[in-house]
């Protein structure tokens, strides 16, 4: 997984549609977050996986997300 302040990319076994909205959980030593993102691209990767690029739409910590 590649992670930046504006989004992330990852390998996945199934394709995702461009502009689909996804919910992802990101865990780190500093904090855990749920992020809502929009799929910006989905490309075949080595014929086995898909490389998915996601732009963050909204970020939230776990407590805030679960309380809302």
N, C-alpha and C. Protein backbone atom coordinates (compact mmCIF):
# COMPACT_ATOMS: atom_id res chain seq x y z
N UNK A 1 0.85 -1.18 0.00
CA UNK A 1 0.00 0.00 0.00
C UNK A 1 0.89 1.24 0.00
N UNK A 2 0.52 2.21 -0.80
CA UNK A 2 1.16 3.52 -0.81
C UNK A 2 0.18 4.51 -0.21
N UNK A 3 0.64 5.28 0.77
CA UNK A 3 -0.24 6.20 1.49
C UNK A 3 0.34 7.60 1.45
N UNK A 4 -0.51 8.59 1.16
CA UNK A 4 -0.10 9.99 1.20
C UNK A 4 -1.19 10.78 1.90
N UNK A 5 -0.99 12.08 2.03
CA UNK A 5 -2.01 12.89 2.70
C UNK A 5 -3.28 13.04 1.87
N UNK A 6 -3.18 12.83 0.55
CA UNK A 6 -4.35 13.02 -0.31
C UNK A 6 -5.03 11.75 -0.76
N UNK A 7 -4.39 10.59 -0.50
CA UNK A 7 -5.01 9.36 -0.94
C UNK A 7 -4.12 8.15 -0.72
N UNK A 8 -4.48 7.06 -1.36
CA UNK A 8 -3.72 5.84 -1.23
C UNK A 8 -3.87 5.00 -2.48
N UNK A 9 -2.97 4.05 -2.65
CA UNK A 9 -3.10 3.06 -3.70
C UNK A 9 -2.78 1.71 -3.08
N UNK A 10 -3.40 0.67 -3.63
CA UNK A 10 -3.21 -0.67 -3.09
C UNK A 10 -3.53 -1.70 -4.17
N UNK A 11 -3.07 -2.93 -3.95
CA UNK A 11 -3.39 -4.02 -4.85
C UNK A 11 -4.60 -4.76 -4.30
N UNK A 12 -5.49 -5.15 -5.22
CA UNK A 12 -6.72 -5.83 -4.82
C UNK A 12 -7.03 -6.90 -5.85
N UNK A 13 -7.67 -7.97 -5.44
CA UNK A 13 -7.91 -9.09 -6.36
C UNK A 13 -9.06 -8.85 -7.32
N UNK A 14 -9.93 -7.90 -7.03
CA UNK A 14 -11.07 -7.60 -7.89
C UNK A 14 -11.00 -6.16 -8.39
N UNK A 15 -11.52 -5.89 -9.59
CA UNK A 15 -11.54 -4.50 -10.07
C UNK A 15 -12.60 -3.69 -9.33
N UNK A 16 -12.36 -2.39 -9.22
CA UNK A 16 -13.34 -1.46 -8.66
C UNK A 16 -13.65 -0.42 -9.73
N UNK A 17 -14.90 0.02 -9.78
CA UNK A 17 -15.29 1.01 -10.77
C UNK A 17 -14.74 2.38 -10.45
N UNK A 18 -14.34 3.10 -11.49
CA UNK A 18 -13.87 4.48 -11.33
C UNK A 18 -15.01 5.31 -10.73
N UNK A 19 -14.69 6.19 -9.80
CA UNK A 19 -15.60 7.07 -9.07
C UNK A 19 -16.42 6.36 -8.00
N UNK A 20 -16.21 5.06 -7.80
CA UNK A 20 -16.89 4.35 -6.70
C UNK A 20 -16.41 4.95 -5.38
N UNK A 21 -17.30 5.01 -4.41
CA UNK A 21 -16.95 5.48 -3.07
C UNK A 21 -16.65 4.27 -2.20
N UNK A 22 -15.51 4.31 -1.50
CA UNK A 22 -15.12 3.20 -0.64
C UNK A 22 -14.87 3.70 0.78
N UNK A 23 -14.97 2.80 1.72
CA UNK A 23 -14.63 3.05 3.11
C UNK A 23 -13.45 2.15 3.43
N UNK A 24 -12.36 2.72 3.92
CA UNK A 24 -11.17 1.95 4.25
C UNK A 24 -10.76 2.22 5.69
N UNK A 25 -10.16 1.23 6.33
CA UNK A 25 -9.63 1.37 7.68
C UNK A 25 -8.11 1.35 7.58
N UNK A 26 -7.49 2.39 8.13
CA UNK A 26 -6.03 2.50 8.10
C UNK A 26 -5.53 2.48 9.53
N UNK A 27 -4.68 1.53 9.84
CA UNK A 27 -4.13 1.38 11.18
C UNK A 27 -2.66 1.75 11.16
N UNK A 28 -2.25 2.57 12.12
CA UNK A 28 -0.84 2.92 12.24
C UNK A 28 -0.48 2.98 13.72
N UNK A 29 0.80 3.15 14.00
CA UNK A 29 1.23 3.24 15.39
C UNK A 29 0.70 4.51 16.06
N UNK A 30 0.45 5.54 15.26
CA UNK A 30 -0.01 6.82 15.80
C UNK A 30 -1.50 6.84 16.08
N UNK A 31 -2.30 6.32 15.14
CA UNK A 31 -3.74 6.28 15.34
C UNK A 31 -4.40 5.39 14.29
N UNK A 32 -5.64 5.05 14.53
CA UNK A 32 -6.44 4.28 13.59
C UNK A 32 -7.49 5.22 13.00
N UNK A 33 -7.71 5.10 11.69
CA UNK A 33 -8.67 5.99 11.03
C UNK A 33 -9.49 5.24 10.01
N UNK A 34 -10.73 5.65 9.90
CA UNK A 34 -11.56 5.28 8.76
C UNK A 34 -11.45 6.42 7.76
N UNK A 35 -11.36 6.09 6.49
CA UNK A 35 -11.33 7.12 5.46
C UNK A 35 -12.35 6.77 4.39
N UNK A 36 -12.98 7.79 3.87
CA UNK A 36 -13.87 7.64 2.75
C UNK A 36 -13.13 8.18 1.54
N UNK A 37 -13.12 7.40 0.48
CA UNK A 37 -12.39 7.81 -0.70
C UNK A 37 -13.15 7.50 -1.98
N UNK A 38 -12.67 8.13 -3.06
CA UNK A 38 -13.24 7.93 -4.39
C UNK A 38 -12.18 7.26 -5.26
N UNK A 39 -12.55 6.17 -5.92
CA UNK A 39 -11.63 5.46 -6.80
C UNK A 39 -11.31 6.35 -8.00
N UNK A 40 -10.04 6.65 -8.19
CA UNK A 40 -9.61 7.48 -9.30
C UNK A 40 -9.11 6.63 -10.47
N UNK A 41 -8.54 5.47 -10.18
CA UNK A 41 -8.13 4.58 -11.26
C UNK A 41 -8.11 3.14 -10.77
N UNK A 42 -8.22 2.23 -11.73
CA UNK A 42 -8.14 0.79 -11.48
C UNK A 42 -7.43 0.19 -12.68
N UNK A 43 -6.22 -0.33 -12.46
CA UNK A 43 -5.41 -0.85 -13.56
C UNK A 43 -4.99 -2.29 -13.28
N UNK A 44 -5.00 -3.10 -14.31
CA UNK A 44 -4.52 -4.47 -14.18
C UNK A 44 -3.05 -4.44 -13.77
N UNK A 45 -2.67 -5.31 -12.85
CA UNK A 45 -1.30 -5.36 -12.34
C UNK A 45 -0.79 -6.80 -12.45
N UNK A 46 0.10 -7.03 -13.38
CA UNK A 46 0.72 -8.35 -13.59
C UNK A 46 -0.31 -9.43 -13.91
N UNK A 47 -1.49 -9.04 -14.41
CA UNK A 47 -2.49 -10.00 -14.83
C UNK A 47 -3.17 -10.77 -13.71
N UNK A 48 -2.82 -10.46 -12.47
CA UNK A 48 -3.38 -11.20 -11.33
C UNK A 48 -4.19 -10.28 -10.41
N UNK A 49 -3.68 -9.08 -10.18
CA UNK A 49 -4.30 -8.13 -9.28
C UNK A 49 -4.67 -6.86 -10.02
N UNK A 50 -5.31 -5.97 -9.30
CA UNK A 50 -5.62 -4.63 -9.81
C UNK A 50 -4.99 -3.62 -8.88
N UNK A 51 -4.36 -2.61 -9.45
CA UNK A 51 -3.83 -1.50 -8.64
C UNK A 51 -4.92 -0.45 -8.60
N UNK A 52 -5.37 -0.13 -7.39
CA UNK A 52 -6.47 0.80 -7.17
C UNK A 52 -5.90 2.10 -6.60
N UNK A 53 -6.24 3.22 -7.20
CA UNK A 53 -5.85 4.53 -6.69
C UNK A 53 -7.07 5.24 -6.13
N UNK A 54 -6.96 5.73 -4.92
CA UNK A 54 -8.10 6.34 -4.22
C UNK A 54 -7.72 7.73 -3.73
N UNK A 55 -8.60 8.69 -3.97
CA UNK A 55 -8.43 10.05 -3.44
C UNK A 55 -9.33 10.18 -2.22
N UNK A 56 -8.75 10.67 -1.10
CA UNK A 56 -9.56 10.83 0.10
C UNK A 56 -10.64 11.88 -0.10
N UNK A 57 -11.83 11.57 0.40
CA UNK A 57 -12.95 12.50 0.39
C UNK A 57 -13.17 13.01 1.80
N UNK A 58 -13.05 12.11 2.78
CA UNK A 58 -13.26 12.47 4.18
C UNK A 58 -12.42 11.54 5.06
N UNK A 59 -11.85 12.10 6.11
CA UNK A 59 -11.08 11.31 7.07
C UNK A 59 -11.72 11.47 8.43
N UNK A 60 -11.69 10.40 9.21
CA UNK A 60 -12.31 10.43 10.53
C UNK A 60 -11.63 9.41 11.42
N UNK A 61 -11.48 9.73 12.72
CA UNK A 61 -10.95 8.70 13.60
C UNK A 61 -12.08 7.72 13.94
N UNK A 62 -11.70 6.57 14.45
CA UNK A 62 -12.67 5.50 14.68
C UNK A 62 -13.79 5.92 15.60
N UNK A 63 -13.49 6.63 16.69
CA UNK A 63 -14.50 7.02 17.65
C UNK A 63 -15.53 7.95 17.01
N UNK A 64 -15.07 8.94 16.28
CA UNK A 64 -15.99 9.87 15.63
C UNK A 64 -16.88 9.13 14.65
N UNK A 65 -16.31 8.24 13.86
CA UNK A 65 -17.09 7.53 12.85
C UNK A 65 -18.16 6.67 13.51
N UNK A 66 -17.80 5.94 14.55
CA UNK A 66 -18.76 5.05 15.18
C UNK A 66 -19.85 5.78 15.95
N UNK A 67 -19.54 6.98 16.46
CA UNK A 67 -20.53 7.74 17.22
C UNK A 67 -21.52 8.46 16.32
N UNK A 68 -21.19 8.68 15.06
CA UNK A 68 -22.09 9.47 14.21
C UNK A 68 -23.13 8.63 13.54
